[in-house]
Amino acid sequence: MTTTGLDRSTDFDLQRLSRAVHLLEACGWYWGSMTGEEAKRLLRWKEVGTFLLRDSSDSAYLFCISVRTARGTTSVRIDYTPEGNFRLDSDGSSPEYDCVIKLVHHYMKDSNAENPKHYWLEPTGRRAIAVKFSRPLVGKVTDLQHLCRTVINKHTPEDRVTQLPLPERLKTYLRDYPYGQ
């Protein structure tokens, strides 16, 4: 059985989703079950670009990202595609990633540029909102081991981790969460 499109196995989806939840629980900025109103309250006085990841309140989606914009807090669902990837629920041209954190990091990297690259339409469809993802709102303190891992990953290209003068067990630990945030 192939792992593309609708022909892929249930095991593939189970492994992909289990890994996504495992990585999200490690990151510190995944808030789990939360309503859109609760997200708005948490982000109300935060800087523009502050965001959090939470479970979607729409049962057709697994996750949702809420972000503070110049016009207030807005949210967008994260779609799990038929190919087993994650993307923002928007037109079909959104990039897809095999991991929710990779998806968020894509938008964070784009947000570092001076000119906004991403716009979402207001529900009325009349005005576009410039959206940037600059800082995750951390909801739980992660352990020191994980914090060290993110610092090392932030400053080490992913393909160089294997070359670090560390025991193999630590290299595996670094590769298990290859993100700098």
N, C-alpha and C. Protein backbone atom coordinates (compact mmCIF):
# COMPACT_ATOMS: atom_id res chain seq x y z
N MET A 1 0.84 -1.18 0.00
CA MET A 1 0.00 0.00 0.00
C MET A 1 0.89 1.25 0.00
N THR A 2 0.55 2.23 -0.79
CA THR A 2 1.36 3.44 -0.88
C THR A 2 1.00 4.40 0.23
N THR A 3 1.84 5.40 0.40
CA THR A 3 1.57 6.43 1.42
C THR A 3 1.29 7.77 0.76
N THR A 4 0.64 7.73 -0.39
CA THR A 4 0.27 8.98 -1.05
C THR A 4 -1.23 9.02 -1.23
N GLY A 5 -1.77 10.21 -1.11
CA GLY A 5 -3.19 10.40 -1.35
C GLY A 5 -4.04 9.52 -0.46
N LEU A 6 -5.18 9.09 -1.00
CA LEU A 6 -6.13 8.32 -0.22
C LEU A 6 -5.75 6.84 -0.11
N ASP A 7 -4.71 6.39 -0.81
CA ASP A 7 -4.30 5.00 -0.76
C ASP A 7 -3.42 4.68 0.44
N ARG A 8 -3.02 5.67 1.18
CA ARG A 8 -2.08 5.41 2.27
C ARG A 8 -2.80 4.67 3.41
N SER A 9 -2.01 4.09 4.27
CA SER A 9 -2.56 3.28 5.34
C SER A 9 -2.98 4.13 6.53
N THR A 10 -3.84 3.56 7.35
CA THR A 10 -4.25 4.21 8.59
C THR A 10 -3.05 4.34 9.53
N ASP A 11 -2.15 3.36 9.47
CA ASP A 11 -0.93 3.42 10.28
C ASP A 11 -0.12 4.67 9.98
N PHE A 12 -0.05 5.03 8.70
CA PHE A 12 0.68 6.24 8.30
C PHE A 12 0.08 7.45 9.00
N ASP A 13 -1.24 7.61 8.92
CA ASP A 13 -1.89 8.75 9.57
C ASP A 13 -1.70 8.72 11.08
N LEU A 14 -1.84 7.55 11.66
CA LEU A 14 -1.68 7.43 13.10
C LEU A 14 -0.27 7.84 13.53
N GLN A 15 0.73 7.38 12.80
CA GLN A 15 2.12 7.75 13.12
C GLN A 15 2.36 9.24 12.90
N ARG A 16 1.86 9.77 11.80
CA ARG A 16 2.06 11.19 11.50
C ARG A 16 1.41 12.06 12.57
N LEU A 17 0.18 11.74 12.94
CA LEU A 17 -0.54 12.54 13.93
C LEU A 17 0.03 12.36 15.34
N SER A 18 0.45 11.15 15.66
CA SER A 18 1.07 10.91 16.98
C SER A 18 2.35 11.71 17.11
N ARG A 19 3.15 11.72 16.05
CA ARG A 19 4.40 12.50 16.07
C ARG A 19 4.09 13.99 16.19
N ALA A 20 3.07 14.46 15.48
CA ALA A 20 2.70 15.88 15.55
C ALA A 20 2.33 16.26 16.98
N VAL A 21 1.51 15.47 17.63
CA VAL A 21 1.10 15.77 19.00
C VAL A 21 2.30 15.70 19.94
N HIS A 22 3.14 14.70 19.76
CA HIS A 22 4.35 14.56 20.60
C HIS A 22 5.23 15.81 20.50
N LEU A 23 5.47 16.28 19.27
CA LEU A 23 6.31 17.47 19.08
C LEU A 23 5.63 18.72 19.63
N LEU A 24 4.32 18.83 19.44
CA LEU A 24 3.60 19.99 19.94
C LEU A 24 3.64 20.05 21.47
N GLU A 25 3.48 18.92 22.11
CA GLU A 25 3.52 18.91 23.57
C GLU A 25 4.90 19.28 24.10
N ALA A 26 5.93 19.04 23.32
CA ALA A 26 7.29 19.39 23.74
C ALA A 26 7.59 20.87 23.55
N CYS A 27 6.92 21.53 22.61
CA CYS A 27 7.32 22.88 22.21
C CYS A 27 7.05 23.96 23.25
N GLY A 28 6.04 23.81 24.08
CA GLY A 28 5.74 24.81 25.10
C GLY A 28 4.73 25.85 24.68
N TRP A 29 4.45 25.99 23.37
CA TRP A 29 3.50 27.00 22.92
C TRP A 29 2.25 26.39 22.29
N TYR A 30 2.06 25.11 22.53
CA TYR A 30 0.82 24.44 22.15
C TYR A 30 -0.07 24.44 23.38
N TRP A 31 -1.26 25.00 23.26
CA TRP A 31 -2.13 25.21 24.40
C TRP A 31 -3.20 24.13 24.56
N GLY A 32 -3.32 23.22 23.61
CA GLY A 32 -4.33 22.17 23.72
C GLY A 32 -5.73 22.70 23.52
N SER A 33 -6.65 22.21 24.32
CA SER A 33 -8.06 22.57 24.19
C SER A 33 -8.30 23.99 24.69
N MET A 34 -8.79 24.83 23.79
CA MET A 34 -9.04 26.24 24.10
C MET A 34 -9.99 26.80 23.04
N THR A 35 -10.91 27.64 23.44
CA THR A 35 -11.82 28.26 22.48
C THR A 35 -11.16 29.47 21.83
N GLY A 36 -11.76 29.94 20.76
CA GLY A 36 -11.28 31.15 20.11
C GLY A 36 -11.37 32.36 21.03
N GLU A 37 -12.41 32.42 21.84
CA GLU A 37 -12.57 33.53 22.78
C GLU A 37 -11.47 33.52 23.84
N GLU A 38 -11.13 32.33 24.33
CA GLU A 38 -10.03 32.23 25.30
C GLU A 38 -8.72 32.68 24.67
N ALA A 39 -8.49 32.30 23.42
CA ALA A 39 -7.27 32.72 22.72
C ALA A 39 -7.24 34.23 22.56
N LYS A 40 -8.38 34.82 22.23
CA LYS A 40 -8.45 36.28 22.09
C LYS A 40 -8.10 36.97 23.41
N ARG A 41 -8.62 36.44 24.51
CA ARG A 41 -8.32 37.04 25.82
C ARG A 41 -6.82 36.95 26.13
N LEU A 42 -6.21 35.81 25.84
CA LEU A 42 -4.78 35.65 26.12
C LEU A 42 -3.91 36.57 25.26
N LEU A 43 -4.33 36.78 24.02
CA LEU A 43 -3.51 37.56 23.08
C LEU A 43 -3.86 39.05 23.05
N ARG A 44 -4.92 39.44 23.73
CA ARG A 44 -5.45 40.81 23.64
C ARG A 44 -4.39 41.89 23.84
N TRP A 45 -3.54 41.79 24.83
CA TRP A 45 -2.58 42.85 25.12
C TRP A 45 -1.16 42.49 24.71
N LYS A 46 -1.03 41.47 23.90
CA LYS A 46 0.30 41.04 23.44
C LYS A 46 0.71 41.84 22.21
N GLU A 47 2.01 41.77 21.89
CA GLU A 47 2.53 42.45 20.70
C GLU A 47 1.97 41.82 19.43
N VAL A 48 1.86 42.65 18.39
CA VAL A 48 1.47 42.14 17.08
C VAL A 48 2.48 41.07 16.67
N GLY A 49 1.98 39.95 16.19
CA GLY A 49 2.84 38.84 15.78
C GLY A 49 2.93 37.73 16.81
N THR A 50 2.42 37.98 18.03
CA THR A 50 2.39 36.93 19.04
C THR A 50 1.30 35.94 18.67
N PHE A 51 1.60 34.66 18.77
CA PHE A 51 0.63 33.64 18.36
C PHE A 51 0.65 32.46 19.32
N LEU A 52 -0.39 31.66 19.23
CA LEU A 52 -0.44 30.40 19.97
C LEU A 52 -1.09 29.34 19.09
N LEU A 53 -0.77 28.12 19.38
CA LEU A 53 -1.34 26.99 18.67
C LEU A 53 -2.25 26.27 19.64
N ARG A 54 -3.42 25.88 19.17
CA ARG A 54 -4.40 25.23 20.04
C ARG A 54 -5.17 24.18 19.25
N ASP A 55 -5.96 23.40 19.94
CA ASP A 55 -6.85 22.47 19.27
C ASP A 55 -7.95 23.28 18.60
N SER A 56 -8.40 22.83 17.45
CA SER A 56 -9.48 23.51 16.75
C SER A 56 -10.80 23.18 17.43
N SER A 57 -11.68 24.17 17.53
CA SER A 57 -13.01 23.90 18.08
C SER A 57 -13.94 23.34 17.00
N ASP A 58 -13.49 23.35 15.76
CA ASP A 58 -14.23 22.75 14.64
C ASP A 58 -13.78 21.30 14.52
N SER A 59 -14.68 20.36 14.69
CA SER A 59 -14.31 18.94 14.72
C SER A 59 -13.76 18.43 13.39
N ALA A 60 -13.88 19.19 12.33
CA ALA A 60 -13.33 18.78 11.03
C ALA A 60 -11.83 19.08 10.94
N TYR A 61 -11.28 19.77 11.93
CA TYR A 61 -9.87 20.15 11.93
C TYR A 61 -9.26 19.75 13.27
N LEU A 62 -7.96 19.51 13.25
CA LEU A 62 -7.28 19.13 14.48
C LEU A 62 -6.75 20.33 15.25
N PHE A 63 -6.14 21.27 14.53
CA PHE A 63 -5.45 22.38 15.18
C PHE A 63 -5.87 23.72 14.58
N CYS A 64 -5.54 24.76 15.33
CA CYS A 64 -5.84 26.13 14.91
C CYS A 64 -4.72 27.01 15.44
N ILE A 65 -4.40 28.05 14.68
CA ILE A 65 -3.40 29.00 15.16
C ILE A 65 -4.08 30.35 15.32
N SER A 66 -3.90 30.97 16.47
CA SER A 66 -4.46 32.29 16.75
C SER A 66 -3.30 33.26 16.84
N VAL A 67 -3.45 34.42 16.21
CA VAL A 67 -2.35 35.37 16.14
C VAL A 67 -2.87 36.79 16.36
N ARG A 68 -2.07 37.57 17.05
CA ARG A 68 -2.40 38.98 17.30
C ARG A 68 -1.97 39.79 16.08
N THR A 69 -2.91 40.52 15.49
CA THR A 69 -2.63 41.40 14.36
C THR A 69 -2.88 42.84 14.78
N ALA A 70 -2.62 43.77 13.90
CA ALA A 70 -2.86 45.19 14.20
C ALA A 70 -4.35 45.46 14.43
N ARG A 71 -5.21 44.59 13.92
CA ARG A 71 -6.66 44.76 14.08
C ARG A 71 -7.26 43.84 15.13
N GLY A 72 -6.43 43.21 15.93
CA GLY A 72 -6.94 42.30 16.95
C GLY A 72 -6.47 40.88 16.70
N THR A 73 -7.07 39.96 17.41
CA THR A 73 -6.68 38.55 17.28
C THR A 73 -7.54 37.88 16.22
N THR A 74 -6.90 37.10 15.40
CA THR A 74 -7.61 36.32 14.39
C THR A 74 -7.07 34.89 14.43
N SER A 75 -7.85 33.97 13.93
CA SER A 75 -7.46 32.56 13.96
C SER A 75 -7.66 31.93 12.60
N VAL A 76 -6.86 30.93 12.33
CA VAL A 76 -7.03 30.14 11.11
C VAL A 76 -6.81 28.67 11.47
N ARG A 77 -7.63 27.83 10.89
CA ARG A 77 -7.51 26.40 11.15
C ARG A 77 -6.35 25.81 10.37
N ILE A 78 -5.83 24.73 10.87
CA ILE A 78 -4.77 23.99 10.19
C ILE A 78 -5.40 22.73 9.63
N ASP A 79 -5.26 22.58 8.34
CA ASP A 79 -5.86 21.48 7.61
C ASP A 79 -4.90 20.29 7.55
N TYR A 80 -5.42 19.10 7.77
CA TYR A 80 -4.64 17.87 7.55
C TYR A 80 -5.08 17.36 6.19
N THR A 81 -4.18 17.41 5.22
CA THR A 81 -4.55 17.16 3.82
C THR A 81 -4.70 15.67 3.53
N PRO A 82 -5.34 15.34 2.41
CA PRO A 82 -5.46 13.93 2.01
C PRO A 82 -4.09 13.26 1.81
N GLU A 83 -3.06 14.05 1.56
CA GLU A 83 -1.71 13.50 1.40
C GLU A 83 -1.00 13.29 2.74
N GLY A 84 -1.64 13.69 3.83
CA GLY A 84 -1.03 13.50 5.15
C GLY A 84 -0.12 14.62 5.57
N ASN A 85 -0.36 15.82 5.06
CA ASN A 85 0.44 16.99 5.41
C ASN A 85 -0.43 18.02 6.11
N PHE A 86 0.21 19.05 6.64
CA PHE A 86 -0.49 20.13 7.33
C PHE A 86 -0.31 21.42 6.54
N ARG A 87 -1.38 22.20 6.47
CA ARG A 87 -1.33 23.51 5.82
C ARG A 87 -2.40 24.39 6.44
N LEU A 88 -2.25 25.69 6.27
CA LEU A 88 -3.28 26.60 6.74
C LEU A 88 -4.52 26.42 5.88
N ASP A 89 -5.67 26.51 6.50
CA ASP A 89 -6.94 26.35 5.78
C ASP A 89 -7.23 27.62 5.00
N SER A 90 -6.76 27.63 3.78
CA SER A 90 -6.97 28.79 2.90
C SER A 90 -7.03 28.26 1.48
N ASP A 91 -6.73 29.10 0.53
CA ASP A 91 -6.76 28.62 -0.85
C ASP A 91 -5.73 27.50 -1.03
N GLY A 92 -5.82 26.79 -2.12
CA GLY A 92 -4.98 25.62 -2.34
C GLY A 92 -3.50 25.89 -2.52
N SER A 93 -3.09 27.14 -2.52
CA SER A 93 -1.67 27.44 -2.76
C SER A 93 -0.83 27.51 -1.49
N SER A 94 -1.42 27.23 -0.34
CA SER A 94 -0.65 27.26 0.91
C SER A 94 0.38 26.14 0.93
N PRO A 95 1.58 26.42 1.45
CA PRO A 95 2.58 25.35 1.53
C PRO A 95 2.14 24.26 2.51
N GLU A 96 2.56 23.05 2.23
CA GLU A 96 2.23 21.90 3.07
C GLU A 96 3.50 21.33 3.68
N TYR A 97 3.37 20.88 4.92
CA TYR A 97 4.50 20.28 5.63
C TYR A 97 4.05 19.02 6.34
N ASP A 98 4.99 18.13 6.57
CA ASP A 98 4.67 16.87 7.25
C ASP A 98 4.56 17.03 8.76
N CYS A 99 4.77 18.24 9.24
CA CYS A 99 4.75 18.51 10.68
C CYS A 99 4.16 19.91 10.92
N VAL A 100 3.33 20.03 11.93
CA VAL A 100 2.71 21.32 12.26
C VAL A 100 3.77 22.35 12.62
N ILE A 101 4.79 21.94 13.35
CA ILE A 101 5.83 22.90 13.76
C ILE A 101 6.61 23.39 12.55
N LYS A 102 6.87 22.52 11.58
CA LYS A 102 7.53 22.97 10.34
C LYS A 102 6.68 24.02 9.64
N LEU A 103 5.37 23.81 9.63
CA LEU A 103 4.45 24.76 9.02
C LEU A 103 4.55 26.12 9.72
N VAL A 104 4.48 26.11 11.03
CA VAL A 104 4.56 27.36 11.79
C VAL A 104 5.91 28.03 11.57
N HIS A 105 6.98 27.26 11.56
CA HIS A 105 8.31 27.83 11.34
C HIS A 105 8.44 28.47 9.96
N HIS A 106 7.77 27.90 8.97
CA HIS A 106 7.76 28.51 7.64
C HIS A 106 7.20 29.94 7.72
N TYR A 107 6.08 30.09 8.40
CA TYR A 107 5.47 31.42 8.51
C TYR A 107 6.27 32.34 9.42
N MET A 108 6.95 31.78 10.42
CA MET A 108 7.81 32.61 11.26
C MET A 108 9.00 33.15 10.46
N LYS A 109 9.61 32.32 9.64
CA LYS A 109 10.74 32.77 8.82
C LYS A 109 10.30 33.87 7.87
N ASP A 110 9.15 33.70 7.24
CA ASP A 110 8.62 34.73 6.35
C ASP A 110 8.31 36.02 7.09
N SER A 111 7.97 35.91 8.36
CA SER A 111 7.61 37.09 9.14
C SER A 111 8.81 37.92 9.56
N ASN A 112 10.00 37.38 9.43
CA ASN A 112 11.20 38.13 9.80
C ASN A 112 11.53 39.21 8.78
N ALA A 113 10.97 39.11 7.60
CA ALA A 113 11.22 40.13 6.57
C ALA A 113 10.50 41.42 6.95
N GLU A 114 10.99 42.54 6.42
CA GLU A 114 10.39 43.84 6.75
C GLU A 114 9.00 43.99 6.14
N ASN A 115 8.82 43.53 4.93
CA ASN A 115 7.52 43.67 4.27
C ASN A 115 6.65 42.45 4.55
N PRO A 116 5.40 42.67 4.96
CA PRO A 116 4.53 41.53 5.22
C PRO A 116 4.35 40.68 3.97
N LYS A 117 4.42 39.37 4.15
CA LYS A 117 4.24 38.47 3.02
C LYS A 117 2.90 37.76 3.06
N HIS A 118 2.23 37.81 4.21
CA HIS A 118 0.99 37.06 4.35
C HIS A 118 -0.14 37.98 4.76
N TYR A 119 -1.24 37.81 4.08
CA TYR A 119 -2.45 38.58 4.36
C TYR A 119 -3.62 37.62 4.45
N TRP A 120 -4.49 37.87 5.40
CA TRP A 120 -5.72 37.10 5.50
C TRP A 120 -6.86 38.08 5.27
N LEU A 121 -7.88 37.62 4.60
CA LEU A 121 -9.06 38.45 4.41
C LEU A 121 -9.91 38.43 5.66
N GLU A 122 -10.47 39.59 6.00
CA GLU A 122 -11.44 39.64 7.09
C GLU A 122 -12.64 38.80 6.68
N PRO A 123 -13.45 38.35 7.64
CA PRO A 123 -14.62 37.54 7.30
C PRO A 123 -15.54 38.19 6.27
N THR A 124 -15.56 39.53 6.24
CA THR A 124 -16.40 40.21 5.26
C THR A 124 -15.81 40.10 3.86
N GLY A 125 -14.51 39.79 3.78
CA GLY A 125 -13.84 39.69 2.49
C GLY A 125 -13.47 41.04 1.90
N ARG A 126 -13.67 42.10 2.66
CA ARG A 126 -13.43 43.45 2.13
C ARG A 126 -12.01 43.95 2.36
N ARG A 127 -11.41 43.59 3.50
CA ARG A 127 -10.08 44.11 3.81
C ARG A 127 -9.13 42.97 4.14
N ALA A 128 -7.90 43.18 3.73
CA ALA A 128 -6.86 42.20 4.04
C ALA A 128 -6.14 42.62 5.32
N ILE A 129 -5.80 41.64 6.13
CA ILE A 129 -5.08 41.87 7.36
C ILE A 129 -3.65 41.34 7.17
N ALA A 130 -2.66 42.20 7.40
CA ALA A 130 -1.27 41.73 7.36
C ALA A 130 -1.04 40.85 8.58
N VAL A 131 -0.51 39.66 8.34
CA VAL A 131 -0.30 38.70 9.42
C VAL A 131 1.17 38.33 9.50
N LYS A 132 1.71 38.42 10.69
CA LYS A 132 3.07 37.94 10.89
C LYS A 132 3.11 37.09 12.16
N PHE A 133 3.97 36.10 12.13
CA PHE A 133 4.17 35.21 13.27
C PHE A 133 5.58 35.45 13.78
N SER A 134 5.70 36.26 14.81
CA SER A 134 7.04 36.60 15.28
C SER A 134 7.40 35.95 16.61
N ARG A 135 6.41 35.70 17.45
CA ARG A 135 6.73 35.19 18.78
C ARG A 135 5.61 34.27 19.28
N PRO A 136 5.97 33.02 19.61
CA PRO A 136 4.94 32.15 20.18
C PRO A 136 4.66 32.54 21.63
N LEU A 137 3.42 32.42 22.03
CA LEU A 137 3.04 32.65 23.42
C LEU A 137 3.22 31.32 24.16
N VAL A 138 4.22 31.28 24.99
CA VAL A 138 4.55 30.04 25.70
C VAL A 138 3.53 29.83 26.81
N GLY A 139 3.01 28.63 26.88
CA GLY A 139 1.98 28.31 27.86
C GLY A 139 2.47 27.44 29.00
N LYS A 140 3.61 26.82 28.81
CA LYS A 140 4.16 26.00 29.89
C LYS A 140 5.67 26.07 29.83
N VAL A 141 6.26 25.93 30.98
CA VAL A 141 7.72 25.94 31.06
C VAL A 141 8.22 24.58 30.61
N THR A 142 9.11 24.59 29.65
CA THR A 142 9.69 23.32 29.21
C THR A 142 10.92 23.03 30.06
N ASP A 143 11.32 21.78 30.07
CA ASP A 143 12.46 21.43 30.90
C ASP A 143 13.76 21.97 30.31
N LEU A 144 14.78 22.05 31.14
CA LEU A 144 16.08 22.60 30.74
C LEU A 144 16.68 21.80 29.59
N GLN A 145 16.49 20.52 29.60
CA GLN A 145 17.01 19.66 28.54
C GLN A 145 16.44 20.09 27.19
N HIS A 146 15.13 20.33 27.15
CA HIS A 146 14.49 20.75 25.89
C HIS A 146 14.96 22.15 25.48
N LEU A 147 15.08 23.05 26.44
CA LEU A 147 15.55 24.40 26.13
C LEU A 147 16.95 24.36 25.52
N CYS A 148 17.82 23.53 26.08
CA CYS A 148 19.17 23.38 25.51
C CYS A 148 19.10 22.84 24.09
N ARG A 149 18.23 21.87 23.87
CA ARG A 149 18.07 21.30 22.54
C ARG A 149 17.65 22.37 21.54
N THR A 150 16.69 23.22 21.90
CA THR A 150 16.24 24.24 20.95
C THR A 150 17.33 25.26 20.65
N VAL A 151 18.14 25.60 21.66
CA VAL A 151 19.24 26.55 21.42
C VAL A 151 20.28 25.93 20.48
N ILE A 152 20.63 24.68 20.72
CA ILE A 152 21.60 24.02 19.83
C ILE A 152 21.03 23.94 18.42
N ASN A 153 19.77 23.55 18.30
CA ASN A 153 19.16 23.43 16.97
C ASN A 153 19.04 24.78 16.27
N LYS A 154 18.82 25.82 17.03
CA LYS A 154 18.70 27.15 16.44
C LYS A 154 20.01 27.60 15.81
N HIS A 155 21.11 27.16 16.39
CA HIS A 155 22.43 27.62 15.94
C HIS A 155 23.21 26.58 15.14
N THR A 156 22.60 25.44 14.87
CA THR A 156 23.28 24.37 14.14
C THR A 156 22.42 23.94 12.96
N PRO A 157 22.94 24.02 11.75
CA PRO A 157 22.16 23.51 10.60
C PRO A 157 21.80 22.04 10.83
N GLU A 158 20.60 21.68 10.41
CA GLU A 158 20.09 20.33 10.67
C GLU A 158 21.02 19.24 10.17
N ASP A 159 21.64 19.46 9.01
CA ASP A 159 22.52 18.44 8.45
C ASP A 159 23.88 18.36 9.17
N ARG A 160 24.14 19.27 10.10
CA ARG A 160 25.41 19.28 10.83
C ARG A 160 25.30 18.65 12.23
N VAL A 161 24.09 18.36 12.66
CA VAL A 161 23.91 17.80 14.01
C VAL A 161 24.71 16.52 14.17
N THR A 162 24.76 15.70 13.14
CA THR A 162 25.49 14.43 13.23
C THR A 162 26.99 14.64 13.39
N GLN A 163 27.48 15.82 13.05
CA GLN A 163 28.92 16.10 13.14
C GLN A 163 29.32 16.71 14.49
N LEU A 164 28.36 17.00 15.33
CA LEU A 164 28.68 17.58 16.64
C LEU A 164 29.43 16.56 17.49
N PRO A 165 30.38 17.03 18.31
CA PRO A 165 31.15 16.12 19.16
C PRO A 165 30.34 15.71 20.40
N LEU A 166 29.28 14.95 20.15
CA LEU A 166 28.38 14.52 21.22
C LEU A 166 28.16 13.02 21.13
N PRO A 167 27.77 12.39 22.23
CA PRO A 167 27.40 10.98 22.17
C PRO A 167 26.20 10.79 21.22
N GLU A 168 26.13 9.65 20.61
CA GLU A 168 25.07 9.36 19.63
C GLU A 168 23.67 9.55 20.23
N ARG A 169 23.52 9.20 21.49
CA ARG A 169 22.22 9.34 22.15
C ARG A 169 21.76 10.81 22.19
N LEU A 170 22.69 11.72 22.42
CA LEU A 170 22.34 13.15 22.43
C LEU A 170 22.04 13.66 21.02
N LYS A 171 22.75 13.16 20.03
CA LYS A 171 22.46 13.55 18.65
C LYS A 171 21.06 13.10 18.26
N THR A 172 20.69 11.90 18.68
CA THR A 172 19.33 11.41 18.41
C THR A 172 18.31 12.30 19.10
N TYR A 173 18.58 12.69 20.33
CA TYR A 173 17.69 13.58 21.07
C TYR A 173 17.52 14.91 20.33
N LEU A 174 18.59 15.46 19.80
CA LEU A 174 18.53 16.71 19.05
C LEU A 174 17.70 16.55 17.78
N ARG A 175 17.87 15.43 17.10
CA ARG A 175 17.14 15.19 15.84
C ARG A 175 15.66 14.91 16.08
N ASP A 176 15.31 14.44 17.27
CA ASP A 176 13.90 14.15 17.57
C ASP A 176 13.04 15.40 17.58
N TYR A 177 13.63 16.55 17.84
CA TYR A 177 12.92 17.83 17.81
C TYR A 177 13.88 18.83 17.15
N PRO A 178 13.91 18.83 15.81
CA PRO A 178 14.94 19.62 15.10
C PRO A 178 14.59 21.09 14.91
N TYR A 179 13.96 21.70 15.88
CA TYR A 179 13.50 23.09 15.74
C TYR A 179 14.17 23.97 16.77
N GLY A 180 14.33 25.23 16.41
CA GLY A 180 14.98 26.18 17.30
C GLY A 180 14.00 27.04 18.06
N GLN A 181 12.81 26.58 18.27
CA GLN A 181 11.80 27.34 19.00
C GLN A 181 10.94 26.40 19.80
